[in-house]
Amino acid sequence: MTELAIATMFPLATVAAGDEANATALARRAQLRGIQARLSTVNTPGAEVAADIYLLGGDGLSGVSDLVARLRGTDLKERVLSGRAVVFAVDAGMAALCRSWRDVSGERSHGLGLIDADVHTGHGDLETVATIPETGLGLPAMVGWRSDALFISRRPGVRPLCAVRGVKTGSPWALDGVVADRVIATQLHGPVLALNPELADLVLRRAIDAQMSDAAPAPHTEEARARRIAEVAATKRSPPWIEHLGLPRRRRKG
């Protein structure tokens, strides 16, 4: 692969959530490894591109129906299922990829079905969270902003991306997102891939594993590193390592 095609799909269909910077973050991480990235934004049905990585975003359930309708007019699902592309989805984008979602009126609609899960509405609190990624992903603690406006109900065998906990409220740990071979999704808002470069690397690795397997780790931005350390430290105590969340149990030294 001499060039990586990254497409942000129909960002105008949903309420903006600051996740437009994810494309730039992916491109920068790829370029640090000598891989050129070509960015495109698709807003008009019929103008889609054959991308290696598709990005979906948005806030809550507003516009999900429109997003799903537009995505059905593209070859995104077929390319993902055939192993030719990876999709990274945030919040409303995640709902669009699920089997179904239920809006505030209780009406259920069907999504693309790339994620074997269903989405429901929640109470909608927004706060900064620290995360502990799912065991085996090789990711450090991450940060982001998360709203409980959506609640995802995973079918058996569907792996979460991470466990999350509110930094200020100290809310109980809850599972977030989905991770599969060609689909990675989360409710973490904002430029989550810029804040968490290791997550960006995971997305890239799923798309171009042959080019990244022997590459030296790209340097992390000091700003992102400092933010993660500060946010995780703000929890004031070590997270409870809960076995049923699939998290490792920390062993005490000595």
C-alpha atoms as a PDB file:
ATOM      1  CA  MET A   1       0.000   0.000   0.000  1.00  0.00           C
ATOM      2  CA  THR A   2       1.531   3.298  -1.096  1.00  0.00           C
ATOM      3  CA  GLU A   3      -1.368   5.490  -0.020  1.00  0.00           C
ATOM      4  CA  LEU A   4      -3.993   5.161   2.702  1.00  0.00           C
ATOM      5  CA  ALA A   5      -7.482   6.450   1.879  1.00  0.00           C
ATOM      6  CA  ILE A   6      -9.383   7.801   4.916  1.00  0.00           C
ATOM      7  CA  ALA A   7     -12.972   8.966   4.411  1.00  0.00           C
ATOM      8  CA  THR A   8     -15.160  10.846   6.893  1.00  0.00           C
ATOM      9  CA  MET A   9     -18.691   9.831   5.989  1.00  0.00           C
ATOM     10  CA  PHE A  10     -21.653  12.240   6.010  1.00  0.00           C
ATOM     11  CA  PRO A  11     -20.702  14.382   9.040  1.00  0.00           C
ATOM     12  CA  LEU A  12     -23.555  16.798   8.256  1.00  0.00           C
ATOM     13  CA  ALA A  13     -26.160  14.079   8.828  1.00  0.00           C
ATOM     14  CA  THR A  14     -25.653  14.109  12.614  1.00  0.00           C
ATOM     15  CA  VAL A  15     -24.989  16.674  15.331  1.00  0.00           C
ATOM     16  CA  ALA A  16     -21.272  17.517  15.395  1.00  0.00           C
ATOM     17  CA  ALA A  17     -19.350  16.138  18.358  1.00  0.00           C
ATOM     18  CA  GLY A  18     -15.820  17.373  17.663  1.00  0.00           C
ATOM     19  CA  ASP A  19     -14.748  14.079  16.117  1.00  0.00           C
ATOM     20  CA  GLU A  20     -13.785  15.592  12.747  1.00  0.00           C
ATOM     21  CA  ALA A  21     -10.160  15.773  13.981  1.00  0.00           C
ATOM     22  CA  ASN A  22      -9.966  11.974  14.038  1.00  0.00           C
ATOM     23  CA  ALA A  23      -9.146  11.869  10.334  1.00  0.00           C
ATOM     24  CA  THR A  24      -6.228  14.256  10.783  1.00  0.00           C
ATOM     25  CA  ALA A  25      -4.950  12.243  13.747  1.00  0.00           C
ATOM     26  CA  LEU A  26      -4.995   9.020  11.715  1.00  0.00           C
ATOM     27  CA  ALA A  27      -3.206  10.681   8.815  1.00  0.00           C
ATOM     28  CA  ARG A  28      -0.479  12.015  11.078  1.00  0.00           C
ATOM     29  CA  ARG A  29       0.093   8.647  12.744  1.00  0.00           C
ATOM     30  CA  ALA A  30       0.318   6.988   9.331  1.00  0.00           C
ATOM     31  CA  GLN A  31       2.723   9.616   8.006  1.00  0.00           C
ATOM     32  CA  LEU A  32       5.016   9.112  11.003  1.00  0.00           C
ATOM     33  CA  ARG A  33       5.475   5.606   9.643  1.00  0.00           C
ATOM     34  CA  GLY A  34       6.160   6.741   6.100  1.00  0.00           C
ATOM     35  CA  ILE A  35       2.643   5.921   4.864  1.00  0.00           C
ATOM     36  CA  GLN A  36       0.956   8.720   2.946  1.00  0.00           C
ATOM     37  CA  ALA A  37      -2.700   9.345   3.775  1.00  0.00           C
ATOM     38  CA  ARG A  38      -5.352  10.838   1.510  1.00  0.00           C
ATOM     39  CA  LEU A  39      -8.278  12.433   3.376  1.00  0.00           C
ATOM     40  CA  SER A  40     -11.755  12.996   1.991  1.00  0.00           C
ATOM     41  CA  THR A  41     -15.099  14.067   3.409  1.00  0.00           C
ATOM     42  CA  VAL A  42     -18.271  12.662   1.874  1.00  0.00           C
ATOM     43  CA  ASN A  43     -21.415  14.757   2.301  1.00  0.00           C
ATOM     44  CA  THR A  44     -23.327  14.074  -0.909  1.00  0.00           C
ATOM     45  CA  PRO A  45     -24.956  10.701  -1.661  1.00  0.00           C
ATOM     46  CA  GLY A  46     -23.355   9.167  -4.715  1.00  0.00           C
ATOM     47  CA  ALA A  47     -20.013  10.896  -4.094  1.00  0.00           C
ATOM     48  CA  GLU A  48     -18.580   8.162  -1.905  1.00  0.00           C
ATOM     49  CA  VAL A  49     -15.001   6.914  -2.210  1.00  0.00           C
ATOM     50  CA  ALA A  50     -13.482   3.461  -1.869  1.00  0.00           C
ATOM     51  CA  ALA A  51     -11.636   4.045   1.407  1.00  0.00           C
ATOM     52  CA  ASP A  52      -9.357   1.886   3.519  1.00  0.00           C
ATOM     53  CA  ILE A  53     -10.700   3.510   6.721  1.00  0.00           C
ATOM     54  CA  TYR A  54     -14.182   4.970   7.139  1.00  0.00           C
ATOM     55  CA  LEU A  55     -14.960   7.388   9.973  1.00  0.00           C
ATOM     56  CA  LEU A  56     -18.461   7.914  11.378  1.00  0.00           C
ATOM     57  CA  GLY A  57     -19.413  10.321  14.151  1.00  0.00           C
ATOM     58  CA  GLY A  58     -22.032  12.557  15.662  1.00  0.00           C
ATOM     59  CA  ASP A  59     -23.840  13.109  18.940  1.00  0.00           C
ATOM     60  CA  GLY A  60     -26.769  11.077  20.262  1.00  0.00           C
ATOM     61  CA  LEU A  61     -29.464   9.671  17.966  1.00  0.00           C
ATOM     62  CA  SER A  62     -30.245  12.854  16.071  1.00  0.00           C
ATOM     63  CA  GLY A  63     -29.741  12.212  12.387  1.00  0.00           C
ATOM     64  CA  VAL A  64     -28.977   8.493  12.672  1.00  0.00           C
ATOM     65  CA  SER A  65     -31.832   7.572  10.335  1.00  0.00           C
ATOM     66  CA  ASP A  66     -30.472   9.929   7.696  1.00  0.00           C
ATOM     67  CA  LEU A  67     -26.939   8.630   8.244  1.00  0.00           C
ATOM     68  CA  VAL A  68     -28.026   4.998   7.825  1.00  0.00           C
ATOM     69  CA  ALA A  69     -29.985   5.814   4.667  1.00  0.00           C
ATOM     70  CA  ARG A  70     -26.960   7.525   3.143  1.00  0.00           C
ATOM     71  CA  LEU A  71     -24.574   4.753   4.141  1.00  0.00           C
ATOM     72  CA  ARG A  72     -26.816   2.147   2.506  1.00  0.00           C
ATOM     73  CA  GLY A  73     -26.168   3.922  -0.764  1.00  0.00           C
ATOM     74  CA  THR A  74     -22.426   3.274  -0.459  1.00  0.00           C
ATOM     75  CA  ASP A  75     -20.250   0.168  -0.502  1.00  0.00           C
ATOM     76  CA  LEU A  76     -18.995   0.734   3.072  1.00  0.00           C
ATOM     77  CA  LYS A  77     -20.680  -2.371   4.493  1.00  0.00           C
ATOM     78  CA  GLU A  78     -19.548  -4.595   1.644  1.00  0.00           C
ATOM     79  CA  ARG A  79     -15.945  -3.386   1.870  1.00  0.00           C
ATOM     80  CA  VAL A  80     -15.851  -3.928   5.636  1.00  0.00           C
ATOM     81  CA  LEU A  81     -17.376  -7.414   5.436  1.00  0.00           C
ATOM     82  CA  SER A  82     -14.971  -8.415   2.657  1.00  0.00           C
ATOM     83  CA  GLY A  83     -11.964  -7.274   4.699  1.00  0.00           C
ATOM     84  CA  ARG A  84     -11.042  -4.396   2.388  1.00  0.00           C
ATOM     85  CA  ALA A  85     -11.781  -1.608   4.875  1.00  0.00           C
ATOM     86  CA  VAL A  86     -12.016  -0.738   8.564  1.00  0.00           C
ATOM     87  CA  VAL A  87     -14.638   1.507  10.125  1.00  0.00           C
ATOM     88  CA  PHE A  88     -14.155   3.597  13.281  1.00  0.00           C
ATOM     89  CA  ALA A  89     -17.425   4.942  14.673  1.00  0.00           C
ATOM     90  CA  VAL A  90     -18.224   7.420  17.443  1.00  0.00           C
ATOM     91  CA  ASP A  91     -21.564   7.594  19.280  1.00  0.00           C
ATOM     92  CA  ALA A  92     -24.241   8.237  16.612  1.00  0.00           C
ATOM     93  CA  GLY A  93     -21.970   6.511  14.114  1.00  0.00           C
ATOM     94  CA  MET A  94     -21.872   3.490  16.405  1.00  0.00           C
ATOM     95  CA  ALA A  95     -25.675   3.431  16.567  1.00  0.00           C
ATOM     96  CA  ALA A  96     -25.798   3.454  12.762  1.00  0.00           C
ATOM     97  CA  LEU A  97     -23.618   0.326  12.629  1.00  0.00           C
ATOM     98  CA  CYS A  98     -25.678  -1.641  15.171  1.00  0.00           C
ATOM     99  CA  ARG A  99     -28.529  -4.034  14.419  1.00  0.00           C
ATOM    100  CA  SER A 100     -31.062  -1.506  15.668  1.00  0.00           C
ATOM    101  CA  TRP A 101     -31.589   1.564  17.822  1.00  0.00           C
ATOM    102  CA  ARG A 102     -34.532   2.894  19.779  1.00  0.00           C
ATOM    103  CA  ASP A 103     -35.131   6.659  19.795  1.00  0.00           C
ATOM    104  CA  VAL A 104     -36.597   8.832  22.585  1.00  0.00           C
ATOM    105  CA  SER A 105     -40.150   8.058  21.425  1.00  0.00           C
ATOM    106  CA  GLY A 106     -39.490   4.331  21.813  1.00  0.00           C
ATOM    107  CA  GLU A 107     -39.611   3.607  18.084  1.00  0.00           C
ATOM    108  CA  ARG A 108     -37.065   1.050  16.913  1.00  0.00           C
ATOM    109  CA  SER A 109     -35.172   1.421  13.635  1.00  0.00           C
ATOM    110  CA  HIS A 110     -32.720  -0.878  11.879  1.00  0.00           C
ATOM    111  CA  GLY A 111     -29.053  -0.050  11.385  1.00  0.00           C
ATOM    112  CA  LEU A 112     -26.444  -1.544   9.060  1.00  0.00           C
ATOM    113  CA  GLY A 113     -25.952  -4.617  11.254  1.00  0.00           C
ATOM    114  CA  LEU A 114     -22.144  -4.521  11.290  1.00  0.00           C
ATOM    115  CA  ILE A 115     -22.299  -4.574  15.105  1.00  0.00           C
ATOM    116  CA  ASP A 116     -24.319  -7.345  16.741  1.00  0.00           C
ATOM    117  CA  ALA A 117     -25.870  -5.059  19.341  1.00  0.00           C
ATOM    118  CA  ASP A 118     -28.843  -2.766  19.937  1.00  0.00           C
ATOM    119  CA  VAL A 119     -28.838   0.855  21.102  1.00  0.00           C
ATOM    120  CA  HIS A 120     -31.298   2.517  23.485  1.00  0.00           C
ATOM    121  CA  THR A 121     -31.571   6.034  24.860  1.00  0.00           C
ATOM    122  CA  GLY A 122     -30.189   6.888  28.308  1.00  0.00           C
ATOM    123  CA  HIS A 123     -30.324   9.855  30.682  1.00  0.00           C
ATOM    124  CA  GLY A 124     -27.782  11.927  28.742  1.00  0.00           C
ATOM    125  CA  ASP A 125     -25.205  13.130  31.291  1.00  0.00           C
ATOM    126  CA  LEU A 126     -21.942  14.267  29.681  1.00  0.00           C
ATOM    127  CA  GLU A 127     -18.647  14.064  31.546  1.00  0.00           C
ATOM    128  CA  THR A 128     -14.951  13.457  31.163  1.00  0.00           C
ATOM    129  CA  VAL A 129     -14.060   9.818  31.683  1.00  0.00           C
ATOM    130  CA  ALA A 130     -10.967   7.713  32.191  1.00  0.00           C
ATOM    131  CA  THR A 131     -10.922   4.267  30.646  1.00  0.00           C
ATOM    132  CA  ILE A 132      -9.354   0.867  31.063  1.00  0.00           C
ATOM    133  CA  PRO A 133      -9.251  -0.853  27.635  1.00  0.00           C
ATOM    134  CA  GLU A 134     -10.410  -4.401  27.090  1.00  0.00           C
ATOM    135  CA  THR A 135      -7.814  -7.047  27.892  1.00  0.00           C
ATOM    136  CA  GLY A 136      -5.602  -8.022  24.984  1.00  0.00           C
ATOM    137  CA  LEU A 137      -5.778  -4.807  22.967  1.00  0.00           C
ATOM    138  CA  GLY A 138      -2.468  -3.501  24.249  1.00  0.00           C
ATOM    139  CA  LEU A 139      -3.871  -0.032  24.909  1.00  0.00           C
ATOM    140  CA  PRO A 140      -3.069   2.186  27.912  1.00  0.00           C
ATOM    141  CA  ALA A 141      -5.677   4.059  29.943  1.00  0.00           C
ATOM    142  CA  MET A 142      -7.451   6.549  27.669  1.00  0.00           C
ATOM    143  CA  VAL A 143      -9.511   9.690  28.128  1.00  0.00           C
ATOM    144  CA  GLY A 144     -12.413  11.326  26.384  1.00  0.00           C
ATOM    145  CA  TRP A 145     -15.877  12.770  26.893  1.00  0.00           C
ATOM    146  CA  ARG A 146     -18.816  10.442  27.119  1.00  0.00           C
ATOM    147  CA  SER A 147     -22.568  10.924  27.224  1.00  0.00           C
ATOM    148  CA  ASP A 148     -24.974   8.366  28.606  1.00  0.00           C
ATOM    149  CA  ALA A 149     -27.552   9.460  26.038  1.00  0.00           C
ATOM    150  CA  LEU A 150     -26.969   6.095  24.391  1.00  0.00           C
ATOM    151  CA  PHE A 151     -26.899   2.653  25.976  1.00  0.00           C
ATOM    152  CA  ILE A 152     -25.605  -0.283  23.962  1.00  0.00           C
ATOM    153  CA  SER A 153     -26.844  -3.814  24.562  1.00  0.00           C
ATOM    154  CA  ARG A 154     -24.294  -6.270  23.128  1.00  0.00           C
ATOM    155  CA  ARG A 155     -25.161  -9.756  21.946  1.00  0.00           C
ATOM    156  CA  PRO A 156     -23.102 -12.671  23.330  1.00  0.00           C
ATOM    157  CA  GLY A 157     -19.548 -12.707  22.015  1.00  0.00           C
ATOM    158  CA  VAL A 158     -19.383  -8.989  21.193  1.00  0.00           C
ATOM    159  CA  ARG A 159     -16.291  -7.494  22.844  1.00  0.00           C
ATOM    160  CA  PRO A 160     -16.408  -4.025  24.439  1.00  0.00           C
ATOM    161  CA  LEU A 161     -13.628  -1.578  23.698  1.00  0.00           C
ATOM    162  CA  CYS A 162     -13.091  -0.499  27.292  1.00  0.00           C
ATOM    163  CA  ALA A 163     -14.540   0.158  30.728  1.00  0.00           C
ATOM    164  CA  VAL A 164     -15.210   3.796  31.615  1.00  0.00           C
ATOM    165  CA  ARG A 165     -15.616   5.807  34.772  1.00  0.00           C
ATOM    166  CA  GLY A 166     -16.429   9.474  35.362  1.00  0.00           C
ATOM    167  CA  VAL A 167     -13.438  11.498  36.535  1.00  0.00           C
ATOM    168  CA  LYS A 168     -15.351  14.041  38.623  1.00  0.00           C
ATOM    169  CA  THR A 169     -18.353  11.997  39.699  1.00  0.00           C
ATOM    170  CA  GLY A 170     -16.533   8.732  40.338  1.00  0.00           C
ATOM    171  CA  SER A 171     -19.442   6.946  38.671  1.00  0.00           C
ATOM    172  CA  PRO A 172     -19.401   3.127  38.672  1.00  0.00           C
ATOM    173  CA  TRP A 173     -17.408   1.406  35.961  1.00  0.00           C
ATOM    174  CA  ALA A 174     -19.414   0.665  32.804  1.00  0.00           C
ATOM    175  CA  LEU A 175     -18.574  -0.957  29.487  1.00  0.00           C
ATOM    176  CA  ASP A 176     -18.116   1.199  26.406  1.00  0.00           C
ATOM    177  CA  GLY A 177     -17.972   0.566  22.717  1.00  0.00           C
ATOM    178  CA  VAL A 178     -17.236  -2.444  20.565  1.00  0.00           C
ATOM    179  CA  VAL A 179     -14.075  -3.880  19.066  1.00  0.00           C
ATOM    180  CA  ALA A 180     -14.001  -6.467  16.283  1.00  0.00           C
ATOM    181  CA  ASP A 181     -11.647  -7.323  13.454  1.00  0.00           C
ATOM    182  CA  ARG A 182     -12.825  -4.592  11.104  1.00  0.00           C
ATOM    183  CA  VAL A 183     -15.102  -2.487  13.332  1.00  0.00           C
ATOM    184  CA  ILE A 184     -14.079  -0.318  16.284  1.00  0.00           C
ATOM    185  CA  ALA A 185     -16.703   1.868  17.943  1.00  0.00           C
ATOM    186  CA  THR A 186     -17.021   3.996  21.071  1.00  0.00           C
ATOM    187  CA  GLN A 187     -19.196   6.593  22.774  1.00  0.00           C
ATOM    188  CA  LEU A 188     -16.147   8.727  23.561  1.00  0.00           C
ATOM    189  CA  HIS A 189     -16.746  12.131  21.974  1.00  0.00           C
ATOM    190  CA  GLY A 190     -14.307  14.683  20.697  1.00  0.00           C
ATOM    191  CA  PRO A 191     -11.043  14.043  18.853  1.00  0.00           C
ATOM    192  CA  VAL A 192     -10.602  10.738  20.678  1.00  0.00           C
ATOM    193  CA  LEU A 193      -7.954   9.472  18.247  1.00  0.00           C
ATOM    194  CA  ALA A 194      -5.896  12.640  18.689  1.00  0.00           C
ATOM    195  CA  LEU A 195      -6.136  12.413  22.482  1.00  0.00           C
ATOM    196  CA  ASN A 196      -5.315   8.703  22.452  1.00  0.00           C
ATOM    197  CA  PRO A 197      -2.725   8.021  19.732  1.00  0.00           C
ATOM    198  CA  GLU A 198      -2.457   4.345  20.683  1.00  0.00           C
ATOM    199  CA  LEU A 199      -6.137   3.928  19.733  1.00  0.00           C
ATOM    200  CA  ALA A 200      -5.390   5.585  16.392  1.00  0.00           C
ATOM    201  CA  ASP A 201      -2.581   3.073  15.939  1.00  0.00           C
ATOM    202  CA  LEU A 202      -5.014   0.218  16.634  1.00  0.00           C
ATOM    203  CA  VAL A 203      -7.328   1.485  13.887  1.00  0.00           C
ATOM    204  CA  LEU A 204      -4.388   1.799  11.490  1.00  0.00           C
ATOM    205  CA  ARG A 205      -3.106  -1.648  12.369  1.00  0.00           C
ATOM    206  CA  ARG A 206      -6.460  -3.214  11.534  1.00  0.00           C
ATOM    207  CA  ALA A 207      -6.323  -1.514   8.122  1.00  0.00           C
ATOM    208  CA  ILE A 208      -2.634  -1.910   7.208  1.00  0.00           C
ATOM    209  CA  ASP A 209      -1.248  -4.597   9.482  1.00  0.00           C
ATOM    210  CA  ALA A 210       1.420  -5.710   7.016  1.00  0.00           C
ATOM    211  CA  GLN A 211       2.930  -2.228   6.914  1.00  0.00           C
ATOM    212  CA  MET A 212       2.856  -1.720  10.705  1.00  0.00           C
ATOM    213  CA  SER A 213       3.826  -5.093  12.134  1.00  0.00           C
ATOM    214  CA  ASP A 214       7.573  -4.436  12.058  1.00  0.00           C
ATOM    215  CA  ALA A 215       7.481  -0.659  12.341  1.00  0.00           C
ATOM    216  CA  ALA A 216       8.888   1.049  15.407  1.00  0.00           C
ATOM    217  CA  PRO A 217       6.212   2.677  17.548  1.00  0.00           C
ATOM    218  CA  ALA A 218       5.546   6.224  16.421  1.00  0.00           C
ATOM    219  CA  PRO A 219       6.200   8.899  19.049  1.00  0.00           C
ATOM    220  CA  HIS A 220       3.288  10.039  21.198  1.00  0.00           C
ATOM    221  CA  THR A 221       2.357  13.680  21.431  1.00  0.00           C
ATOM    222  CA  GLU A 222       3.311  15.055  24.815  1.00  0.00           C
ATOM    223  CA  GLU A 223       0.010  16.929  25.048  1.00  0.00           C
ATOM    224  CA  ALA A 224      -2.009  13.738  24.701  1.00  0.00           C
ATOM    225  CA  ARG A 225       0.244  11.867  27.110  1.00  0.00           C
ATOM    226  CA  ALA A 226      -0.024  14.628  29.744  1.00  0.00           C
ATOM    227  CA  ARG A 227      -3.787  14.736  29.425  1.00  0.00           C
ATOM    228  CA  ARG A 228      -4.173  10.995  29.911  1.00  0.00           C
ATOM    229  CA  ILE A 229      -1.931  11.030  32.972  1.00  0.00           C
ATOM    230  CA  ALA A 230      -3.805  13.984  34.471  1.00  0.00           C
ATOM    231  CA  GLU A 231      -7.243  12.530  33.873  1.00  0.00           C
ATOM    232  CA  VAL A 232      -6.406   9.070  35.170  1.00  0.00           C
ATOM    233  CA  ALA A 233      -4.708  10.578  38.211  1.00  0.00           C
ATOM    234  CA  ALA A 234      -7.865  12.598  38.873  1.00  0.00           C
ATOM    235  CA  THR A 235      -9.702   9.404  39.793  1.00  0.00           C
ATOM    236  CA  LYS A 236      -7.606   9.586  43.020  1.00  0.00           C
ATOM    237  CA  ARG A 237      -7.551   5.849  43.482  1.00  0.00           C
ATOM    238  CA  SER A 238      -6.800   2.759  41.477  1.00  0.00           C
ATOM    239  CA  PRO A 239      -9.756   1.393  39.511  1.00  0.00           C
ATOM    240  CA  PRO A 240     -11.446  -1.747  40.797  1.00  0.00           C
ATOM    241  CA  TRP A 241     -10.203  -4.561  38.573  1.00  0.00           C
ATOM    242  CA  ILE A 242     -13.480  -6.354  38.018  1.00  0.00           C
ATOM    243  CA  GLU A 243     -13.170  -9.807  36.508  1.00  0.00           C
ATOM    244  CA  HIS A 244     -16.565  -9.823  34.810  1.00  0.00           C
ATOM    245  CA  LEU A 245     -15.576  -6.738  32.843  1.00  0.00           C
ATOM    246  CA  GLY A 246     -12.731  -8.704  31.316  1.00  0.00           C
ATOM    247  CA  LEU A 247     -10.113  -6.512  32.966  1.00  0.00           C
ATOM    248  CA  PRO A 248      -6.834  -7.783  34.422  1.00  0.00           C
ATOM    249  CA  ARG A 249      -6.443  -7.937  38.178  1.00  0.00           C
ATOM    250  CA  ARG A 250      -3.589  -5.816  39.473  1.00  0.00           C
ATOM    251  CA  ARG A 251      -1.128  -7.668  41.637  1.00  0.00           C
ATOM    252  CA  ARG A 252       0.420  -5.955  44.576  1.00  0.00           C
ATOM    253  CA  LYS A 253       4.188  -5.919  44.740  1.00  0.00           C
ATOM    254  CA  GLY A 254       5.879  -7.741  47.583  1.00  0.00           C
END
